[in-house]
PDB file of N, CA and C in Angstrom:
ATOM      1  N   MET A   1     165.993  95.599 106.141  1.00  0.00           N
ATOM      2  CA  MET A   1     165.580  96.660 105.280  1.00  0.00           C
ATOM      3  C   MET A   1     164.210  96.369 104.714  1.00  0.00           C
ATOM      4  N   HIS A   2     163.475  97.402 104.691  1.00  0.00           N
ATOM      5  CA  HIS A   2     162.137  97.269 104.106  1.00  0.00           C
ATOM      6  C   HIS A   2     162.205  97.596 102.624  1.00  0.00           C
ATOM      7  N   GLY A   3     161.682  96.734 101.819  1.00  0.00           N
ATOM      8  CA  GLY A   3     161.636  97.001 100.375  1.00  0.00           C
ATOM      9  C   GLY A   3     160.348  97.751 100.026  1.00  0.00           C
ATOM     10  N   TYR A   4     160.437  98.550  99.000  1.00  0.00           N
ATOM     11  CA  TYR A   4     159.247  99.286  98.566  1.00  0.00           C
ATOM     12  C   TYR A   4     158.344  98.356  97.773  1.00  0.00           C
ATOM     13  N   ARG A   5     157.111  98.349  98.157  1.00  0.00           N
ATOM     14  CA  ARG A   5     156.139  97.554  97.402  1.00  0.00           C
ATOM     15  C   ARG A   5     155.522  98.453  96.351  1.00  0.00           C
ATOM     16  N   HIS A   6     155.396  97.962  95.159  1.00  0.00           N
ATOM     17  CA  HIS A   6     154.741  98.731  94.103  1.00  0.00           C
ATOM     18  C   HIS A   6     153.237  98.580  94.257  1.00  0.00           C
ATOM     19  N   ALA A   7     152.571  99.689  94.377  1.00  0.00           N
ATOM     20  CA  ALA A   7     151.115  99.661  94.497  1.00  0.00           C
ATOM     21  C   ALA A   7     150.517  99.339  93.135  1.00  0.00           C
ATOM     22  N   GLN A   8     149.572  98.448  93.160  1.00  0.00           N
ATOM     23  CA  GLN A   8     148.903  98.100  91.916  1.00  0.00           C
ATOM     24  C   GLN A   8     147.569  98.817  91.875  1.00  0.00           C
ATOM     25  N   GLY A   9     147.107  99.134  90.655  1.00  0.00           N
ATOM     26  CA  GLY A   9     145.837  99.829  90.493  1.00  0.00           C
ATOM     27  C   GLY A   9     146.055 101.198  89.872  1.00  0.00           C
ATOM     28  N   PHE A  10     145.005 101.999  89.910  1.00  0.00           N
ATOM     29  CA  PHE A  10     145.035 103.314  89.281  1.00  0.00           C
ATOM     30  C   PHE A  10     145.094 104.394  90.346  1.00  0.00           C
ATOM     31  N   THR A  11     145.710 105.501  89.996  1.00  0.00           N
ATOM     32  CA  THR A  11     145.733 106.634  90.915  1.00  0.00           C
ATOM     33  C   THR A  11     144.420 107.400  90.773  1.00  0.00           C
ATOM     34  N   LEU A  12     144.160 108.243  91.714  1.00  0.00           N
ATOM     35  CA  LEU A  12     142.935 109.038  91.694  1.00  0.00           C
ATOM     36  C   LEU A  12     142.888 109.933  90.459  1.00  0.00           C
ATOM     37  N   ILE A  13     143.985 110.512  90.074  1.00  0.00           N
ATOM     38  CA  ILE A  13     144.044 111.383  88.890  1.00  0.00           C
ATOM     39  C   ILE A  13     143.669 110.592  87.639  1.00  0.00           C
ATOM     40  N   GLU A  14     144.202 109.394  87.505  1.00  0.00           N
ATOM     41  CA  GLU A  14     143.886 108.566  86.336  1.00  0.00           C
ATOM     42  C   GLU A  14     142.394 108.245  86.267  1.00  0.00           C
ATOM     43  N   VAL A  15     141.802 107.955  87.394  1.00  0.00           N
ATOM     44  CA  VAL A  15     140.369 107.653  87.440  1.00  0.00           C
ATOM     45  C   VAL A  15     139.558 108.890  87.066  1.00  0.00           C
ATOM     46  N   LEU A  16     139.934 110.053  87.583  1.00  0.00           N
ATOM     47  CA  LEU A  16     139.208 111.284  87.267  1.00  0.00           C
ATOM     48  C   LEU A  16     139.326 111.644  85.790  1.00  0.00           C
ATOM     49  N   VAL A  17     140.488 111.469  85.206  1.00  0.00           N
ATOM     50  CA  VAL A  17     140.672 111.740  83.775  1.00  0.00           C
ATOM     51  C   VAL A  17     139.803 110.791  82.951  1.00  0.00           C
ATOM     52  N   ALA A  18     139.782 109.529  83.318  1.00  0.00           N
ATOM     53  CA  ALA A  18     138.955 108.555  82.601  1.00  0.00           C
ATOM     54  C   ALA A  18     137.473 108.919  82.704  1.00  0.00           C
ATOM     55  N   LEU A  19     137.025 109.332  83.873  1.00  0.00           N
ATOM     56  CA  LEU A  19     135.622 109.735  84.046  1.00  0.00           C
ATOM     57  C   LEU A  19     135.296 110.978  83.223  1.00  0.00           C
ATOM     58  N   ALA A  20     136.231 111.915  83.143  1.00  0.00           N
ATOM     59  CA  ALA A  20     136.007 113.122  82.338  1.00  0.00           C
ATOM     60  C   ALA A  20     135.874 112.760  80.861  1.00  0.00           C
ATOM     61  N   ILE A  21     136.718 111.862  80.391  1.00  0.00           N
ATOM     62  CA  ILE A  21     136.639 111.433  78.987  1.00  0.00           C
ATOM     63  C   ILE A  21     135.311 110.736  78.715  1.00  0.00           C
ATOM     64  N   ILE A  22     134.887 109.876  79.607  1.00  0.00           N
ATOM     65  CA  ILE A  22     133.605 109.175  79.442  1.00  0.00           C
ATOM     66  C   ILE A  22     132.448 110.170  79.465  1.00  0.00           C
ATOM     67  N   ALA A  23     132.511 111.175  80.334  1.00  0.00           N
ATOM     68  CA  ALA A  23     131.438 112.178  80.409  1.00  0.00           C
ATOM     69  C   ALA A  23     131.324 112.963  79.108  1.00  0.00           C
ATOM     70  N   VAL A  24     132.446 113.348  78.527  1.00  0.00           N
ATOM     71  CA  VAL A  24     132.427 114.082  77.257  1.00  0.00           C
ATOM     72  C   VAL A  24     131.854 113.203  76.149  1.00  0.00           C
ATOM     73  N   ALA A  25     132.262 111.944  76.109  1.00  0.00           N
ATOM     74  CA  ALA A  25     131.752 111.021  75.086  1.00  0.00           C
ATOM     75  C   ALA A  25     130.250 110.799  75.239  1.00  0.00           C
ATOM     76  N   MET A  26     129.782 110.657  76.465  1.00  0.00           N
ATOM     77  CA  MET A  26     128.345 110.452  76.698  1.00  0.00           C
ATOM     78  C   MET A  26     127.546 111.697  76.318  1.00  0.00           C
ATOM     79  N   ALA A  27     128.067 112.876  76.616  1.00  0.00           N
ATOM     80  CA  ALA A  27     127.375 114.115  76.243  1.00  0.00           C
ATOM     81  C   ALA A  27     127.255 114.219  74.728  1.00  0.00           C
ATOM     82  N   ALA A  28     128.308 113.851  74.017  1.00  0.00           N
ATOM     83  CA  ALA A  28     128.265 113.880  72.551  1.00  0.00           C
ATOM     84  C   ALA A  28     127.254 112.869  72.019  1.00  0.00           C
ATOM     85  N   ALA A  29     127.196 111.690  72.618  1.00  0.00           N
ATOM     86  CA  ALA A  29     126.246 110.663  72.175  1.00  0.00           C
ATOM     87  C   ALA A  29     124.804 111.113  72.400  1.00  0.00           C
ATOM     88  N   VAL A  30     124.537 111.749  73.526  1.00  0.00           N
ATOM     89  CA  VAL A  30     123.185 112.248  73.803  1.00  0.00           C
ATOM     90  C   VAL A  30     122.814 113.342  72.815  1.00  0.00           C
ATOM     91  N   ARG A  31     123.745 114.201  72.497  1.00  0.00           N
ATOM     92  CA  ARG A  31     123.496 115.276  71.513  1.00  0.00           C
ATOM     93  C   ARG A  31     123.177 114.692  70.139  1.00  0.00           C
ATOM     94  N   VAL A  32     123.940 113.711  69.710  1.00  0.00           N
ATOM     95  CA  VAL A  32     123.695 113.077  68.411  1.00  0.00           C
ATOM     96  C   VAL A  32     122.317 112.424  68.393  1.00  0.00           C
ATOM     97  N   ALA A  33     121.952 111.752  69.463  1.00  0.00           N
ATOM     98  CA  ALA A  33     120.634 111.114  69.533  1.00  0.00           C
ATOM     99  C   ALA A  33     119.524 112.159  69.448  1.00  0.00           C
ATOM    100  N   GLY A  34     119.710 113.292  70.104  1.00  0.00           N
ATOM    101  CA  GLY A  34     118.715 114.364  70.042  1.00  0.00           C
ATOM    102  C   GLY A  34     118.571 114.942  68.651  1.00  0.00           C
ATOM    103  N   VAL A  35     119.685 115.166  67.979  1.00  0.00           N
ATOM    104  CA  VAL A  35     119.654 115.704  66.614  1.00  0.00           C
ATOM    105  C   VAL A  35     118.984 114.714  65.669  1.00  0.00           C
ATOM    106  N   MET A  36     119.282 113.429  65.830  1.00  0.00           N
ATOM    107  CA  MET A  36     118.667 112.412  64.970  1.00  0.00           C
ATOM    108  C   MET A  36     117.159 112.350  65.184  1.00  0.00           C
ATOM    109  N   THR A  37     116.719 112.463  66.423  1.00  0.00           N
ATOM    110  CA  THR A  37     115.294 112.449  66.719  1.00  0.00           C
ATOM    111  C   THR A  37     114.605 113.657  66.101  1.00  0.00           C
ATOM    112  N   GLN A  38     115.224 114.827  66.214  1.00  0.00           N
ATOM    113  CA  GLN A  38     114.657 116.043  65.634  1.00  0.00           C
ATOM    114  C   GLN A  38     114.601 115.938  64.109  1.00  0.00           C
ATOM    115  N   SER A  39     115.644 115.423  63.497  1.00  0.00           N
ATOM    116  CA  SER A  39     115.670 115.267  62.038  1.00  0.00           C
ATOM    117  C   SER A  39     114.599 114.292  61.574  1.00  0.00           C
ATOM    118  N   ASN A  40     114.399 113.236  62.325  1.00  0.00           N
ATOM    119  CA  ASN A  40     113.377 112.256  61.983  1.00  0.00           C
ATOM    120  C   ASN A  40     111.992 112.886  62.037  1.00  0.00           C
ATOM    121  N   GLY A  41     111.731 113.716  63.039  1.00  0.00           N
ATOM    122  CA  GLY A  41     110.441 114.401  63.149  1.00  0.00           C
ATOM    123  C   GLY A  41     110.216 115.367  62.003  1.00  0.00           C
ATOM    124  N   LEU A  42     111.243 116.115  61.613  1.00  0.00           N
ATOM    125  CA  LEU A  42     111.126 117.055  60.500  1.00  0.00           C
ATOM    126  C   LEU A  42     110.882 116.314  59.192  1.00  0.00           C
ATOM    127  N   LEU A  43     111.562 115.201  58.998  1.00  0.00           N
ATOM    128  CA  LEU A  43     111.363 114.404  57.784  1.00  0.00           C
ATOM    129  C   LEU A  43     109.934 113.874  57.714  1.00  0.00           C
ATOM    130  N   ARG A  44     109.394 113.436  58.847  1.00  0.00           N
ATOM    131  CA  ARG A  44     108.004 112.963  58.892  1.00  0.00           C
ATOM    132  C   ARG A  44     107.046 114.100  58.535  1.00  0.00           C
ATOM    133  N   ASP A  45     107.273 115.290  59.107  1.00  0.00           N
ATOM    134  CA  ASP A  45     106.410 116.438  58.818  1.00  0.00           C
ATOM    135  C   ASP A  45     106.477 116.823  57.344  1.00  0.00           C
ATOM    136  N   LYS A  46     107.675 116.795  56.755  1.00  0.00           N
ATOM    137  CA  LYS A  46     107.811 117.140  55.336  1.00  0.00           C
ATOM    138  C   LYS A  46     107.110 116.115  54.452  1.00  0.00           C
ATOM    139  N   SER A  47     107.182 114.855  54.825  1.00  0.00           N
ATOM    140  CA  SER A  47     106.493 113.811  54.054  1.00  0.00           C
ATOM    141  C   SER A  47     104.983 114.011  54.102  1.00  0.00           C
ATOM    142  N   MET A  48     104.464 114.341  55.270  1.00  0.00           N
ATOM    143  CA  MET A  48     103.020 114.571  55.406  1.00  0.00           C
ATOM    144  C   MET A  48     102.600 115.826  54.644  1.00  0.00           C
ATOM    145  N   ALA A  49     103.427 116.856  54.650  1.00  0.00           N
ATOM    146  CA  ALA A  49     103.128 118.084  53.909  1.00  0.00           C
ATOM    147  C   ALA A  49     103.127 117.816  52.409  1.00  0.00           C
ATOM    148  N   LEU A  50     104.056 117.019  51.938  1.00  0.00           N
ATOM    149  CA  LEU A  50     104.097 116.660  50.519  1.00  0.00           C
ATOM    150  C   LEU A  50     102.846 115.885  50.132  1.00  0.00           C
ATOM    151  N   LEU A  51     102.394 115.005  50.991  1.00  0.00           N
ATOM    152  CA  LEU A  51     101.157 114.260  50.743  1.00  0.00           C
ATOM    153  C   LEU A  51      99.966 115.210  50.655  1.00  0.00           C
ATOM    154  N   ALA A  52      99.906 116.209  51.536  1.00  0.00           N
ATOM    155  CA  ALA A  52      98.814 117.188  51.503  1.00  0.00           C
ATOM    156  C   ALA A  52      98.845 117.989  50.205  1.00  0.00           C
ATOM    157  N   ALA A  53     100.028 118.399  49.758  1.00  0.00           N
ATOM    158  CA  ALA A  53     100.151 119.169  48.512  1.00  0.00           C
ATOM    159  C   ALA A  53      99.745 118.318  47.311  1.00  0.00           C
ATOM    160  N   GLN A  54     100.178 117.072  47.273  1.00  0.00           N
ATOM    161  CA  GLN A  54      99.814 116.185  46.170  1.00  0.00           C
ATOM    162  C   GLN A  54      98.308 115.939  46.136  1.00  0.00           C
ATOM    163  N   SER A  55      97.710 115.793  47.302  1.00  0.00           N
ATOM    164  CA  SER A  55      96.259 115.584  47.369  1.00  0.00           C
ATOM    165  C   SER A  55      95.511 116.796  46.824  1.00  0.00           C
ATOM    166  N   ARG A  56      95.976 117.982  47.191  1.00  0.00           N
ATOM    167  CA  ARG A  56      95.310 119.201  46.707  1.00  0.00           C
ATOM    168  C   ARG A  56      95.451 119.338  45.196  1.00  0.00           C
ATOM    169  N   LEU A  57      96.620 119.046  44.646  1.00  0.00           N
ATOM    170  CA  LEU A  57      96.795 119.114  43.196  1.00  0.00           C
ATOM    171  C   LEU A  57      95.901 118.096  42.492  1.00  0.00           C
ATOM    172  N   ALA A  58      95.740 116.923  43.062  1.00  0.00           N
ATOM    173  CA  ALA A  58      94.846 115.916  42.477  1.00  0.00           C
ATOM    174  C   ALA A  58      93.399 116.407  42.492  1.00  0.00           C
ATOM    175  N   GLU A  59      92.985 117.049  43.576  1.00  0.00           N
ATOM    176  CA  GLU A  59      91.629 117.608  43.649  1.00  0.00           C
ATOM    177  C   GLU A  59      91.425 118.662  42.570  1.00  0.00           C
ATOM    178  N   LEU A  60      92.413 119.526  42.383  1.00  0.00           N
ATOM    179  CA  LEU A  60      92.286 120.593  41.383  1.00  0.00           C
ATOM    180  C   LEU A  60      92.231 120.031  39.963  1.00  0.00           C
ATOM    181  N   ARG A  61      92.946 118.964  39.694  1.00  0.00           N
ATOM    182  CA  ARG A  61      92.890 118.347  38.362  1.00  0.00           C
ATOM    183  C   ARG A  61      91.500 117.784  38.069  1.00  0.00           C
ATOM    184  N   LEU A  62      90.799 117.381  39.113  1.00  0.00           N
ATOM    185  CA  LEU A  62      89.463 116.801  38.941  1.00  0.00           C
ATOM    186  C   LEU A  62      88.363 117.854  38.858  1.00  0.00           C
ATOM    187  N   GLU A  63      88.655 119.085  39.268  1.00  0.00           N
ATOM    188  CA  GLU A  63      87.645 120.138  39.209  1.00  0.00           C
ATOM    189  C   GLU A  63      87.361 120.501  37.759  1.00  0.00           C
ATOM    190  N   ALA A  64      86.091 120.766  37.473  1.00  0.00           N
ATOM    191  CA  ALA A  64      85.690 121.092  36.101  1.00  0.00           C
ATOM    192  C   ALA A  64      86.166 122.486  35.702  1.00  0.00           C
ATOM    193  N   GLN A  65      86.109 123.430  36.613  1.00  0.00           N
ATOM    194  CA  GLN A  65      86.438 124.822  36.291  1.00  0.00           C
ATOM    195  C   GLN A  65      87.430 125.365  37.309  1.00  0.00           C
ATOM    196  N   LEU A  66      88.576 125.820  36.831  1.00  0.00           N
ATOM    197  CA  LEU A  66      89.554 126.457  37.712  1.00  0.00           C
ATOM    198  C   LEU A  66      89.410 127.967  37.612  1.00  0.00           C
ATOM    199  N   ARG A  67      89.688 128.644  38.716  1.00  0.00           N
ATOM    200  CA  ARG A  67      89.635 130.107  38.739  1.00  0.00           C
ATOM    201  C   ARG A  67      90.967 130.643  39.230  1.00  0.00           C
ATOM    202  N   SER A  68      91.444 131.656  38.527  1.00  0.00           N
ATOM    203  CA  SER A  68      92.699 132.286  38.946  1.00  0.00           C
ATOM    204  C   SER A  68      92.511 132.940  40.304  1.00  0.00           C
ATOM    205  N   GLY A  69      93.568 132.937  41.092  1.00  0.00           N
ATOM    206  CA  GLY A  69      93.514 133.589  42.397  1.00  0.00           C
ATOM    207  C   GLY A  69      94.338 132.845  43.429  1.00  0.00           C
ATOM    208  N   ARG A  70      94.247 133.372  44.640  1.00  0.00           N
ATOM    209  CA  ARG A  70      95.021 132.818  45.755  1.00  0.00           C
ATOM    210  C   ARG A  70      94.047 132.386  46.844  1.00  0.00           C
ATOM    211  N   LYS A  71      94.336 131.265  47.460  1.00  0.00           N
ATOM    212  CA  LYS A  71      93.456 130.729  48.497  1.00  0.00           C
ATOM    213  C   LYS A  71      94.319 130.108  49.595  1.00  0.00           C
ATOM    214  N   THR A  72      93.949 130.358  50.842  1.00  0.00           N
ATOM    215  CA  THR A  72      94.632 129.764  51.994  1.00  0.00           C
ATOM    216  C   THR A  72      93.611 128.966  52.787  1.00  0.00           C
ATOM    217  N   PHE A  73      93.986 127.756  53.181  1.00  0.00           N
ATOM    218  CA  PHE A  73      93.049 126.898  53.907  1.00  0.00           C
ATOM    219  C   PHE A  73      93.830 125.885  54.742  1.00  0.00           C
ATOM    220  N   ASP A  74      93.138 125.313  55.729  1.00  0.00           N
ATOM    221  CA  ASP A  74      93.749 124.274  56.560  1.00  0.00           C
ATOM    222  C   ASP A  74      93.790 122.971  55.772  1.00  0.00           C
ATOM    223  N   CYS A  75      94.886 122.263  55.884  1.00  0.00           N
ATOM    224  CA  CYS A  75      95.018 120.962  55.205  1.00  0.00           C
ATOM    225  C   CYS A  75      95.723 119.984  56.147  1.00  0.00           C
ATOM    226  N   ASP A  76      95.143 119.851  57.347  1.00  0.00           N
ATOM    227  CA  ASP A  76      95.738 119.013  58.387  1.00  0.00           C
ATOM    228  C   ASP A  76      95.895 117.565  57.922  1.00  0.00           C
ATOM    229  N   GLN A  77      96.921 116.932  58.437  1.00  0.00           N
ATOM    230  CA  GLN A  77      97.170 115.515  58.194  1.00  0.00           C
ATOM    231  C   GLN A  77      97.271 114.842  59.559  1.00  0.00           C
ATOM    232  N   GLY A  78      96.181 114.231  59.984  1.00  0.00           N
ATOM    233  CA  GLY A  78      96.158 113.623  61.316  1.00  0.00           C
ATOM    234  C   GLY A  78      96.310 114.689  62.383  1.00  0.00           C
ATOM    235  N   ARG A  79      97.257 114.489  63.289  1.00  0.00           N
ATOM    236  CA  ARG A  79      97.497 115.462  64.361  1.00  0.00           C
ATOM    237  C   ARG A  79      98.394 116.611  63.929  1.00  0.00           C
ATOM    238  N   LEU A  80      98.946 116.536  62.723  1.00  0.00           N
ATOM    239  CA  LEU A  80      99.828 117.587  62.221  1.00  0.00           C
ATOM    240  C   LEU A  80      98.988 118.711  61.616  1.00  0.00           C
ATOM    241  N   LYS A  81      99.062 119.888  62.217  1.00  0.00           N
ATOM    242  CA  LYS A  81      98.280 121.040  61.762  1.00  0.00           C
ATOM    243  C   LYS A  81      99.039 121.758  60.655  1.00  0.00           C
ATOM    244  N   LEU A  82      98.469 121.746  59.456  1.00  0.00           N
ATOM    245  CA  LEU A  82      99.106 122.349  58.293  1.00  0.00           C
ATOM    246  C   LEU A  82      98.218 123.420  57.688  1.00  0.00           C
ATOM    247  N   ARG A  83      98.856 124.368  56.995  1.00  0.00           N
ATOM    248  CA  ARG A  83      98.136 125.417  56.270  1.00  0.00           C
ATOM    249  C   ARG A  83      98.622 125.378  54.821  1.00  0.00           C
ATOM    250  N   CYS A  84      97.680 125.277  53.892  1.00  0.00           N
ATOM    251  CA  CYS A  84      98.011 125.248  52.464  1.00  0.00           C
ATOM    252  C   CYS A  84      97.726 126.608  51.851  1.00  0.00           C
ATOM    253  N   GLU A  85      98.627 127.044  51.001  1.00  0.00           N
ATOM    254  CA  GLU A  85      98.436 128.272  50.227  1.00  0.00           C
ATOM    255  C   GLU A  85      98.472 127.875  48.758  1.00  0.00           C
ATOM    256  N   GLN A  86      97.372 128.135  48.086  1.00  0.00           N
ATOM    257  CA  GLN A  86      97.221 127.733  46.687  1.00  0.00           C
ATOM    258  C   GLN A  86      97.161 128.975  45.814  1.00  0.00           C
ATOM    259  N   THR A  87      97.913 128.984  44.723  1.00  0.00           N
ATOM    260  CA  THR A  87      97.896 130.089  43.768  1.00  0.00           C
ATOM    261  C   THR A  87      97.641 129.510  42.383  1.00  0.00           C
ATOM    262  N   ILE A  88      96.628 130.063  41.705  1.00  0.00           N
ATOM    263  CA  ILE A  88      96.305 129.624  40.347  1.00  0.00           C
ATOM    264  C   ILE A  88      96.407 130.832  39.429  1.00  0.00           C
ATOM    265  N   GLU A  89      97.209 130.693  38.369  1.00  0.00           N
ATOM    266  CA  GLU A  89      97.371 131.770  37.382  1.00  0.00           C
ATOM    267  C   GLU A  89      97.142 131.193  35.993  1.00  0.00           C
ATOM    268  N   ARG A  90      96.433 131.957  35.188  1.00  0.00           N
ATOM    269  CA  ARG A  90      96.191 131.514  33.811  1.00  0.00           C
ATOM    270  C   ARG A  90      97.431 131.815  32.975  1.00  0.00           C
ATOM    271  N   ALA A  91      97.849 130.832  32.175  1.00  0.00           N
ATOM    272  CA  ALA A  91      99.000 130.987  31.286  1.00  0.00           C
ATOM    273  C   ALA A  91      98.612 130.415  29.921  1.00  0.00           C
ATOM    274  N   GLY A  92      97.880 131.210  29.144  1.00  0.00           N
ATOM    275  CA  GLY A  92      97.400 130.737  27.840  1.00  0.00           C
ATOM    276  C   GLY A  92      96.334 129.669  28.028  1.00  0.00           C
ATOM    277  N   PRO A  93      96.482 128.528  27.358  1.00  0.00           N
ATOM    278  CA  PRO A  93      95.479 127.468  27.505  1.00  0.00           C
ATOM    279  C   PRO A  93      95.676 126.641  28.775  1.00  0.00           C
ATOM    280  N   LEU A  94      96.667 126.997  29.562  1.00  0.00           N
ATOM    281  CA  LEU A  94      96.977 126.255  30.783  1.00  0.00           C
ATOM    282  C   LEU A  94      96.802 127.136  32.014  1.00  0.00           C
ATOM    283  N   TYR A  95      96.623 126.486  33.123  1.00  0.00           N
ATOM    284  CA  TYR A  95      96.667 127.155  34.426  1.00  0.00           C
ATOM    285  C   TYR A  95      97.926 126.670  35.136  1.00  0.00           C
ATOM    286  N   GLN A  96      98.668 127.609  35.694  1.00  0.00           N
ATOM    287  CA  GLN A  96      99.805 127.225  36.533  1.00  0.00           C
ATOM    288  C   GLN A  96      99.319 127.211  37.971  1.00  0.00           C
ATOM    289  N   VAL A  97      99.453 126.071  38.608  1.00  0.00           N
ATOM    290  CA  VAL A  97      98.952 125.879  39.968  1.00  0.00           C
ATOM    291  C   VAL A  97     100.139 125.636  40.898  1.00  0.00           C
ATOM    292  N   GLN A  98     100.197 126.427  41.969  1.00  0.00           N
ATOM    293  CA  GLN A  98     101.236 126.260  42.991  1.00  0.00           C
ATOM    294  C   GLN A  98     100.559 125.983  44.321  1.00  0.00           C
ATOM    295  N   VAL A  99     101.061 125.002  45.019  1.00  0.00           N
ATOM    296  CA  VAL A  99     100.569 124.702  46.368  1.00  0.00           C
ATOM    297  C   VAL A  99     101.775 124.685  47.297  1.00  0.00           C
ATOM    298  N   GLN A 100     101.669 125.484  48.342  1.00  0.00           N
ATOM    299  CA  GLN A 100     102.728 125.579  49.346  1.00  0.00           C
ATOM    300  C   GLN A 100     102.124 125.155  50.676  1.00  0.00           C
ATOM    301  N   VAL A 101     102.810 124.298  51.405  1.00  0.00           N
ATOM    302  CA  VAL A 101     102.295 123.778  52.675  1.00  0.00           C
ATOM    303  C   VAL A 101     103.206 124.239  53.802  1.00  0.00           C
ATOM    304  N   LEU A 102     102.583 124.845  54.823  1.00  0.00           N
ATOM    305  CA  LEU A 102     103.324 125.385  55.969  1.00  0.00           C
ATOM    306  C   LEU A 102     102.825 124.750  57.259  1.00  0.00           C
ATOM    307  N   ASP A 103     103.667 124.763  58.264  1.00  0.00           N
ATOM    308  CA  ASP A 103     103.279 124.313  59.596  1.00  0.00           C
ATOM    309  C   ASP A 103     102.392 125.395  60.204  1.00  0.00           C
ATOM    310  N   ALA A 104     101.147 125.059  60.511  1.00  0.00           N
ATOM    311  CA  ALA A 104     100.193 126.049  61.021  1.00  0.00           C
ATOM    312  C   ALA A 104     100.507 126.476  62.452  1.00  0.00           C
ATOM    313  N   SER A 105     101.294 125.696  63.171  1.00  0.00           N
ATOM    314  CA  SER A 105     101.540 125.994  64.581  1.00  0.00           C
ATOM    315  C   SER A 105     102.698 126.961  64.814  1.00  0.00           C
ATOM    316  N   ARG A 106     103.487 127.256  63.750  1.00  0.00           N
ATOM    317  CA  ARG A 106     104.624 128.162  63.953  1.00  0.00           C
ATOM    318  C   ARG A 106     105.049 128.776  62.626  1.00  0.00           C
ATOM    319  N   GLU A 107     105.776 129.883  62.733  1.00  0.00           N
ATOM    320  CA  GLU A 107     106.338 130.532  61.550  1.00  0.00           C
ATOM    321  C   GLU A 107     107.619 129.792  61.174  1.00  0.00           C
ATOM    322  N   ALA A 108     107.643 129.245  59.993  1.00  0.00           N
ATOM    323  CA  ALA A 108     108.810 128.490  59.526  1.00  0.00           C
ATOM    324  C   ALA A 108     108.775 128.440  58.009  1.00  0.00           C
ATOM    325  N   PRO A 109     109.881 128.093  57.397  1.00  0.00           N
ATOM    326  CA  PRO A 109     109.870 127.930  55.935  1.00  0.00           C
ATOM    327  C   PRO A 109     108.870 126.845  55.531  1.00  0.00           C
ATOM    328  N   PRO A 110     108.386 126.893  54.295  1.00  0.00           N
ATOM    329  CA  PRO A 110     107.411 125.886  53.849  1.00  0.00           C
ATOM    330  C   PRO A 110     107.966 124.466  53.983  1.00  0.00           C
ATOM    331  N   LEU A 111     107.085 123.557  54.361  1.00  0.00           N
ATOM    332  CA  LEU A 111     107.468 122.153  54.445  1.00  0.00           C
ATOM    333  C   LEU A 111     107.446 121.495  53.071  1.00  0.00           C
ATOM    334  N   ALA A 112     106.566 121.993  52.189  1.00  0.00           N
ATOM    335  CA  ALA A 112     106.476 121.439  50.833  1.00  0.00           C
ATOM    336  C   ALA A 112     106.019 122.535  49.883  1.00  0.00           C
ATOM    337  N   HIS A 113     106.444 122.422  48.628  1.00  0.00           N
ATOM    338  CA  HIS A 113     106.056 123.380  47.597  1.00  0.00           C
ATOM    339  C   HIS A 113     105.995 122.617  46.275  1.00  0.00           C
ATOM    340  N   LEU A 114     104.808 122.562  45.679  1.00  0.00           N
ATOM    341  CA  LEU A 114     104.633 121.878  44.399  1.00  0.00           C
ATOM    342  C   LEU A 114     104.034 122.833  43.380  1.00  0.00           C
ATOM    343  N   THR A 115     104.450 122.685  42.140  1.00  0.00           N
ATOM    344  CA  THR A 115     103.918 123.477  41.039  1.00  0.00           C
ATOM    345  C   THR A 115     103.593 122.530  39.892  1.00  0.00           C
ATOM    346  N   THR A 116     102.447 122.760  39.254  1.00  0.00           N
ATOM    347  CA  THR A 116     102.073 121.972  38.085  1.00  0.00           C
ATOM    348  C   THR A 116     101.278 122.845  37.140  1.00  0.00           C
ATOM    349  N   GLN A 117     101.008 122.315  35.973  1.00  0.00           N
ATOM    350  CA  GLN A 117     100.159 123.013  35.014  1.00  0.00           C
ATOM    351  C   GLN A 117      98.979 122.117  34.684  1.00  0.00           C
ATOM    352  N   VAL A 118      97.808 122.753  34.622  1.00  0.00           N
ATOM    353  CA  VAL A 118      96.570 122.034  34.336  1.00  0.00           C
ATOM    354  C   VAL A 118      95.953 122.661  33.100  1.00  0.00           C
ATOM    355  N   ARG A 119      95.524 121.821  32.182  1.00  0.00           N
ATOM    356  CA  ARG A 119      94.927 122.321  30.943  1.00  0.00           C
ATOM    357  C   ARG A 119      93.506 122.798  31.207  1.00  0.00           C
ATOM    358  N   ASP A 120      93.144 123.912  30.582  1.00  0.00           N
ATOM    359  CA  ASP A 120      91.788 124.453  30.671  1.00  0.00           C
ATOM    360  C   ASP A 120      90.879 123.574  29.821  1.00  0.00           C
ATOM    361  N   GLU A 121      89.828 123.083  30.426  1.00  0.00           N
ATOM    362  CA  GLU A 121      88.914 122.206  29.684  1.00  0.00           C
ATOM    363  C   GLU A 121      87.596 122.872  29.443  1.00  0.00           C
TER     364      GLU A 121
END
């Protein structure tokens, strides 16, 4: 009589299921890496925009005479193309100054927005 030998190893179905699970896990890992890279780039852009806004407010504090009104100008930071929108309004003995920084290459919400008050001298 011939005895049945038990085959050792994995069946084709088991191997295919394992490969499918690994493929799903790898796709999720690649997606997470992509999202993290995009978030890192946005954080860098926001930091540079905040630096541009702070620089503009420092310049305005040093100016002898402020004038009410709105002004739009380029405020690039290195290779990052930015557009600054400055609004100055008189509020009694103070000027309220707002600086908003936008990405000049596309329509998007502001990357930075700062408001301060400067005393009229």
